[in-house]
Every structure is written in C-alpha cells, then in structure tokens.
Amino acid sequence: MLVLYAEEIEKVLKKAVRHALLAHKRAGNPIAVWRDNRVVIIPPEEIPVEDPLLSQDQKKTETISE
C-alpha cells in the first residue's frame, strides 16, 4: 500500500530533512552524520544546505554593489 505513495512520502521526507538542516544551520547548531563507520560532527557553517534567506540577502547585496 505504501508503494502507491512512495513518491509523495519521499518528497515530504526530503522537505522535512531540509527544514531540520536549515533550522540547525540558522540556530548555529552542528549536526551529527555517519561517515566512514563513525560519527562526524558537521559545524553549522558547513551544513550542506542552501538557506534561501541568506541567498536573497546575498542577491540584494550583489545588486546594490553593482
């Protein structure tokens, strides 16, 4: 039964993960990931997710400076 909704479930889960990563990054909190059979702590500035709020501010700054 879940197979029928697999695409929708995957889309919602990806959105939830992105939201959690952004929340950690914005709050300045690190995340823990499993890499090479061990736990690795990723500092907030290295969390691999683009913050749309920061991107908009950067675009405004670029436009102003041009």
PDB file of N, CA and C in Angstrom:
ATOM      1  N   MET A   1       0.820  -1.198   0.000  1.00  0.00           N
ATOM      2  CA  MET A   1       0.000   0.000   0.000  1.00  0.00           C
ATOM      3  C   MET A   1       0.867   1.267   0.000  1.00  0.00           C
ATOM      4  N   LEU A   2       1.926   1.275   0.794  1.00  0.00           N
ATOM      5  CA  LEU A   2       2.794   2.454   0.831  1.00  0.00           C
ATOM      6  C   LEU A   2       3.494   2.697  -0.495  1.00  0.00           C
ATOM      7  N   VAL A   3       3.678   1.647  -1.277  1.00  0.00           N
ATOM      8  CA  VAL A   3       4.333   1.785  -2.572  1.00  0.00           C
ATOM      9  C   VAL A   3       3.560   2.751  -3.473  1.00  0.00           C
ATOM     10  N   LEU A   4       2.262   2.766  -3.322  1.00  0.00           N
ATOM     11  CA  LEU A   4       1.442   3.673  -4.116  1.00  0.00           C
ATOM     12  C   LEU A   4       1.763   5.133  -3.821  1.00  0.00           C
ATOM     13  N   TYR A   5       2.218   5.413  -2.619  1.00  0.00           N
ATOM     14  CA  TYR A   5       2.501   6.787  -2.194  1.00  0.00           C
ATOM     15  C   TYR A   5       3.994   7.048  -2.020  1.00  0.00           C
ATOM     16  N   ALA A   6       4.824   6.195  -2.574  1.00  0.00           N
ATOM     17  CA  ALA A   6       6.274   6.285  -2.354  1.00  0.00           C
ATOM     18  C   ALA A   6       6.838   7.638  -2.764  1.00  0.00           C
ATOM     19  N   GLU A   7       6.444   8.151  -3.909  1.00  0.00           N
ATOM     20  CA  GLU A   7       6.982   9.436  -4.376  1.00  0.00           C
ATOM     21  C   GLU A   7       6.575  10.581  -3.453  1.00  0.00           C
ATOM     22  N   GLU A   8       5.322  10.575  -3.037  1.00  0.00           N
ATOM     23  CA  GLU A   8       4.850  11.627  -2.140  1.00  0.00           C
ATOM     24  C   GLU A   8       5.543  11.548  -0.783  1.00  0.00           C
ATOM     25  N   ILE A   9       5.712  10.321  -0.282  1.00  0.00           N
ATOM     26  CA  ILE A   9       6.386  10.117   1.005  1.00  0.00           C
ATOM     27  C   ILE A   9       7.828  10.598   0.926  1.00  0.00           C
ATOM     28  N   GLU A  10       8.511  10.242  -0.159  1.00  0.00           N
ATOM     29  CA  GLU A  10       9.906  10.663  -0.323  1.00  0.00           C
ATOM     30  C   GLU A  10      10.015  12.182  -0.393  1.00  0.00           C
ATOM     31  N   LYS A  11       9.093  12.817  -1.106  1.00  0.00           N
ATOM     32  CA  LYS A  11       9.100  14.274  -1.225  1.00  0.00           C
ATOM     33  C   LYS A  11       8.913  14.945   0.138  1.00  0.00           C
ATOM     34  N   VAL A  12       7.989  14.444   0.930  1.00  0.00           N
ATOM     35  CA  VAL A  12       7.728  15.005   2.256  1.00  0.00           C
ATOM     36  C   VAL A  12       8.927  14.788   3.179  1.00  0.00           C
ATOM     37  N   LEU A  13       9.523  13.599   3.125  1.00  0.00           N
ATOM     38  CA  LEU A  13      10.689  13.324   3.971  1.00  0.00           C
ATOM     39  C   LEU A  13      11.865  14.221   3.600  1.00  0.00           C
ATOM     40  N   LYS A  14      12.112  14.418   2.314  1.00  0.00           N
ATOM     41  CA  LYS A  14      13.200  15.305   1.886  1.00  0.00           C
ATOM     42  C   LYS A  14      12.961  16.732   2.359  1.00  0.00           C
ATOM     43  N   LYS A  15      11.704  17.177   2.277  1.00  0.00           N
ATOM     44  CA  LYS A  15      11.369  18.527   2.746  1.00  0.00           C
ATOM     45  C   LYS A  15      11.605  18.646   4.251  1.00  0.00           C
ATOM     46  N   ALA A  16      11.247  17.616   5.005  1.00  0.00           N
ATOM     47  CA  ALA A  16      11.437  17.628   6.459  1.00  0.00           C
ATOM     48  C   ALA A  16      12.923  17.659   6.821  1.00  0.00           C
ATOM     49  N   VAL A  17      13.732  16.897   6.104  1.00  0.00           N
ATOM     50  CA  VAL A  17      15.179  16.879   6.365  1.00  0.00           C
ATOM     51  C   VAL A  17      15.776  18.245   6.044  1.00  0.00           C
ATOM     52  N   ARG A  18      15.382  18.827   4.911  1.00  0.00           N
ATOM     53  CA  ARG A  18      15.884  20.156   4.543  1.00  0.00           C
ATOM     54  C   ARG A  18      15.508  21.186   5.608  1.00  0.00           C
ATOM     55  N   HIS A  19      14.272  21.099   6.086  1.00  0.00           N
ATOM     56  CA  HIS A  19      13.808  22.019   7.132  1.00  0.00           C
ATOM     57  C   HIS A  19      14.652  21.867   8.403  1.00  0.00           C
ATOM     58  N   ALA A  20      14.915  20.630   8.799  1.00  0.00           N
ATOM     59  CA  ALA A  20      15.720  20.382  10.010  1.00  0.00           C
ATOM     60  C   ALA A  20      17.150  20.888   9.831  1.00  0.00           C
ATOM     61  N   LEU A  21      17.733  20.654   8.653  1.00  0.00           N
ATOM     62  CA  LEU A  21      19.101  21.127   8.401  1.00  0.00           C
ATOM     63  C   LEU A  21      19.152  22.655   8.440  1.00  0.00           C
ATOM     64  N   LEU A  22      18.177  23.308   7.825  1.00  0.00           N
ATOM     65  CA  LEU A  22      18.140  24.774   7.855  1.00  0.00           C
ATOM     66  C   LEU A  22      17.966  25.295   9.270  1.00  0.00           C
ATOM     67  N   ALA A  23      17.126  24.641  10.046  1.00  0.00           N
ATOM     68  CA  ALA A  23      16.912  25.070  11.435  1.00  0.00           C
ATOM     69  C   ALA A  23      18.210  24.984  12.226  1.00  0.00           C
ATOM     70  N   HIS A  24      18.956  23.900  12.056  1.00  0.00           N
ATOM     71  CA  HIS A  24      20.239  23.756  12.750  1.00  0.00           C
ATOM     72  C   HIS A  24      21.226  24.829  12.281  1.00  0.00           C
ATOM     73  N   LYS A  25      21.296  25.024  10.967  1.00  0.00           N
ATOM     74  CA  LYS A  25      22.241  25.987  10.415  1.00  0.00           C
ATOM     75  C   LYS A  25      21.933  27.402  10.910  1.00  0.00           C
ATOM     76  N   ARG A  26      20.670  27.797  10.861  1.00  0.00           N
ATOM     77  CA  ARG A  26      20.268  29.140  11.290  1.00  0.00           C
ATOM     78  C   ARG A  26      20.486  29.353  12.780  1.00  0.00           C
ATOM     79  N   ALA A  27      20.289  28.303  13.575  1.00  0.00           N
ATOM     80  CA  ALA A  27      20.459  28.412  15.028  1.00  0.00           C
ATOM     81  C   ALA A  27      21.932  28.315  15.439  1.00  0.00           C
ATOM     82  N   GLY A  28      22.790  27.970  14.487  1.00  0.00           N
ATOM     83  CA  GLY A  28      24.210  27.835  14.803  1.00  0.00           C
ATOM     84  C   GLY A  28      24.547  26.530  15.490  1.00  0.00           C
ATOM     85  N   ASN A  29      23.706  25.522  15.285  1.00  0.00           N
ATOM     86  CA  ASN A  29      23.931  24.215  15.911  1.00  0.00           C
ATOM     87  C   ASN A  29      24.549  23.239  14.921  1.00  0.00           C
ATOM     88  N   PRO A  30      25.514  22.463  15.365  1.00  0.00           N
ATOM     89  CA  PRO A  30      26.104  21.456  14.485  1.00  0.00           C
ATOM     90  C   PRO A  30      25.148  20.273  14.304  1.00  0.00           C
ATOM     91  N   ILE A  31      25.449  19.439  13.325  1.00  0.00           N
ATOM     92  CA  ILE A  31      24.705  18.192  13.131  1.00  0.00           C
ATOM     93  C   ILE A  31      25.680  17.027  13.202  1.00  0.00           C
ATOM     94  N   ALA A  32      25.156  15.860  13.487  1.00  0.00           N
ATOM     95  CA  ALA A  32      25.978  14.652  13.514  1.00  0.00           C
ATOM     96  C   ALA A  32      25.567  13.775  12.336  1.00  0.00           C
ATOM     97  N   VAL A  33      26.559  13.263  11.607  1.00  0.00           N
ATOM     98  CA  VAL A  33      26.311  12.358  10.489  1.00  0.00           C
ATOM     99  C   VAL A  33      27.181  11.120  10.644  1.00  0.00           C
ATOM    100  N   TRP A  34      26.775  10.058   9.985  1.00  0.00           N
ATOM    101  CA  TRP A  34      27.544   8.818   9.992  1.00  0.00           C
ATOM    102  C   TRP A  34      28.365   8.781   8.711  1.00  0.00           C
ATOM    103  N   ARG A  35      29.699   8.778   8.845  1.00  0.00           N
ATOM    104  CA  ARG A  35      30.585   8.797   7.692  1.00  0.00           C
ATOM    105  C   ARG A  35      31.783   7.896   7.969  1.00  0.00           C
ATOM    106  N   ASP A  36      32.057   6.982   7.059  1.00  0.00           N
ATOM    107  CA  ASP A  36      33.209   6.071   7.194  1.00  0.00           C
ATOM    108  C   ASP A  36      33.179   5.300   8.513  1.00  0.00           C
ATOM    109  N   ASN A  37      32.010   4.772   8.831  1.00  0.00           N
ATOM    110  CA  ASN A  37      31.828   3.938  10.028  1.00  0.00           C
ATOM    111  C   ASN A  37      32.096   4.665  11.347  1.00  0.00           C
ATOM    112  N   ARG A  38      31.852   5.969  11.355  1.00  0.00           N
ATOM    113  CA  ARG A  38      31.980   6.716  12.608  1.00  0.00           C
ATOM    114  C   ARG A  38      31.097   7.966  12.559  1.00  0.00           C
ATOM    115  N   VAL A  39      30.842   8.524  13.718  1.00  0.00           N
ATOM    116  CA  VAL A  39      30.050   9.745  13.813  1.00  0.00           C
ATOM    117  C   VAL A  39      30.963  10.940  13.549  1.00  0.00           C
ATOM    118  N   VAL A  40      30.501  11.831  12.694  1.00  0.00           N
ATOM    119  CA  VAL A  40      31.246  13.048  12.368  1.00  0.00           C
ATOM    120  C   VAL A  40      30.337  14.238  12.682  1.00  0.00           C
ATOM    121  N   ILE A  41      30.873  15.214  13.397  1.00  0.00           N
ATOM    122  CA  ILE A  41      30.126  16.427  13.732  1.00  0.00           C
ATOM    123  C   ILE A  41      30.405  17.470  12.647  1.00  0.00           C
ATOM    124  N   ILE A  42      29.339  17.985  12.046  1.00  0.00           N
ATOM    125  CA  ILE A  42      29.452  18.997  10.998  1.00  0.00           C
ATOM    126  C   ILE A  42      29.076  20.353  11.604  1.00  0.00           C
ATOM    127  N   PRO A  43      29.998  21.331  11.587  1.00  0.00           N
ATOM    128  CA  PRO A  43      29.673  22.654  12.125  1.00  0.00           C
ATOM    129  C   PRO A  43      28.597  23.323  11.266  1.00  0.00           C
ATOM    130  N   PRO A  44      27.834  24.241  11.849  1.00  0.00           N
ATOM    131  CA  PRO A  44      26.713  24.840  11.120  1.00  0.00           C
ATOM    132  C   PRO A  44      27.103  25.498   9.793  1.00  0.00           C
ATOM    133  N   GLU A  45      28.261  26.125   9.744  1.00  0.00           N
ATOM    134  CA  GLU A  45      28.666  26.802   8.502  1.00  0.00           C
ATOM    135  C   GLU A  45      29.005  25.823   7.381  1.00  0.00           C
ATOM    136  N   GLU A  46      29.162  24.538   7.712  1.00  0.00           N
ATOM    137  CA  GLU A  46      29.468  23.517   6.699  1.00  0.00           C
ATOM    138  C   GLU A  46      28.283  22.605   6.390  1.00  0.00           C
ATOM    139  N   ILE A  47      27.122  22.882   6.969  1.00  0.00           N
ATOM    140  CA  ILE A  47      25.944  22.062   6.694  1.00  0.00           C
ATOM    141  C   ILE A  47      25.568  22.254   5.223  1.00  0.00           C
ATOM    142  N   PRO A  48      25.479  21.157   4.477  1.00  0.00           N
ATOM    143  CA  PRO A  48      25.288  21.247   3.021  1.00  0.00           C
ATOM    144  C   PRO A  48      23.847  21.517   2.601  1.00  0.00           C
ATOM    145  N   VAL A  49      23.354  22.696   2.941  1.00  0.00           N
ATOM    146  CA  VAL A  49      22.017  23.099   2.512  1.00  0.00           C
ATOM    147  C   VAL A  49      22.036  24.601   2.304  1.00  0.00           C
ATOM    148  N   GLU A  50      21.401  25.053   1.226  1.00  0.00           N
ATOM    149  CA  GLU A  50      21.369  26.481   0.941  1.00  0.00           C
ATOM    150  C   GLU A  50      20.226  27.121   1.713  1.00  0.00           C
ATOM    151  N   ASP A  51      20.509  28.208   2.370  1.00  0.00           N
ATOM    152  CA  ASP A  51      19.498  28.952   3.113  1.00  0.00           C
ATOM    153  C   ASP A  51      18.904  30.004   2.185  1.00  0.00           C
ATOM    154  N   PRO A  52      17.631  29.867   1.826  1.00  0.00           N
ATOM    155  CA  PRO A  52      17.033  30.826   0.888  1.00  0.00           C
ATOM    156  C   PRO A  52      17.037  32.261   1.422  1.00  0.00           C
ATOM    157  N   LEU A  53      16.970  32.433   2.731  1.00  0.00           N
ATOM    158  CA  LEU A  53      17.012  33.782   3.299  1.00  0.00           C
ATOM    159  C   LEU A  53      18.375  34.420   3.088  1.00  0.00           C
ATOM    160  N   LEU A  54      19.426  33.641   3.297  1.00  0.00           N
ATOM    161  CA  LEU A  54      20.771  34.166   3.071  1.00  0.00           C
ATOM    162  C   LEU A  54      21.001  34.417   1.599  1.00  0.00           C
ATOM    163  N   SER A  55      20.496  33.557   0.756  1.00  0.00           N
ATOM    164  CA  SER A  55      20.655  33.729  -0.686  1.00  0.00           C
ATOM    165  C   SER A  55      20.007  35.017  -1.154  1.00  0.00           C
ATOM    166  N   GLN A  56      18.822  35.335  -0.631  1.00  0.00           N
ATOM    167  CA  GLN A  56      18.145  36.573  -1.002  1.00  0.00           C
ATOM    168  C   GLN A  56      18.944  37.781  -0.545  1.00  0.00           C
ATOM    169  N   ASP A  57      19.498  37.726   0.672  1.00  0.00           N
ATOM    170  CA  ASP A  57      20.311  38.833   1.178  1.00  0.00           C
ATOM    171  C   ASP A  57      21.559  39.005   0.324  1.00  0.00           C
ATOM    172  N   GLN A  58      22.183  37.896  -0.082  1.00  0.00           N
ATOM    173  CA  GLN A  58      23.380  37.968  -0.912  1.00  0.00           C
ATOM    174  C   GLN A  58      23.045  38.572  -2.273  1.00  0.00           C
ATOM    175  N   LYS A  59      21.890  38.196  -2.830  1.00  0.00           N
ATOM    176  CA  LYS A  59      21.479  38.742  -4.121  1.00  0.00           C
ATOM    177  C   LYS A  59      21.249  40.245  -4.008  1.00  0.00           C
ATOM    178  N   LYS A  60      20.625  40.688  -2.886  1.00  0.00           N
ATOM    179  CA  LYS A  60      20.396  42.116  -2.682  1.00  0.00           C
ATOM    180  C   LYS A  60      21.723  42.859  -2.581  1.00  0.00           C
ATOM    181  N   THR A  61      22.682  42.271  -1.857  1.00  0.00           N
ATOM    182  CA  THR A  61      23.993  42.883  -1.688  1.00  0.00           C
ATOM    183  C   THR A  61      24.706  42.998  -3.045  1.00  0.00           C
ATOM    184  N   GLU A  62      24.618  41.931  -3.850  1.00  0.00           N
ATOM    185  CA  GLU A  62      25.250  41.942  -5.165  1.00  0.00           C
ATOM    186  C   GLU A  62      24.617  43.007  -6.046  1.00  0.00           C
ATOM    187  N   THR A  63      23.299  43.142  -5.991  1.00  0.00           N
ATOM    188  CA  THR A  63      22.594  44.126  -6.810  1.00  0.00           C
ATOM    189  C   THR A  63      22.976  45.543  -6.392  1.00  0.00           C
ATOM    190  N   ILE A  64      23.074  45.782  -5.097  1.00  0.00           N
ATOM    191  CA  ILE A  64      23.416  47.103  -4.577  1.00  0.00           C
ATOM    192  C   ILE A  64      24.835  47.480  -4.971  1.00  0.00           C
ATOM    193  N   SER A  65      25.766  46.530  -4.919  1.00  0.00           N
ATOM    194  CA  SER A  65      27.161  46.828  -5.177  1.00  0.00           C
ATOM    195  C   SER A  65      27.477  46.949  -6.671  1.00  0.00           C
ATOM    196  N   GLU A  66      26.557  46.535  -7.538  1.00  0.00           N
ATOM    197  CA  GLU A  66      26.818  46.604  -8.984  1.00  0.00           C
ATOM    198  C   GLU A  66      26.618  47.968  -9.550  1.00  0.00           C
TER     199      GLU A  66
END
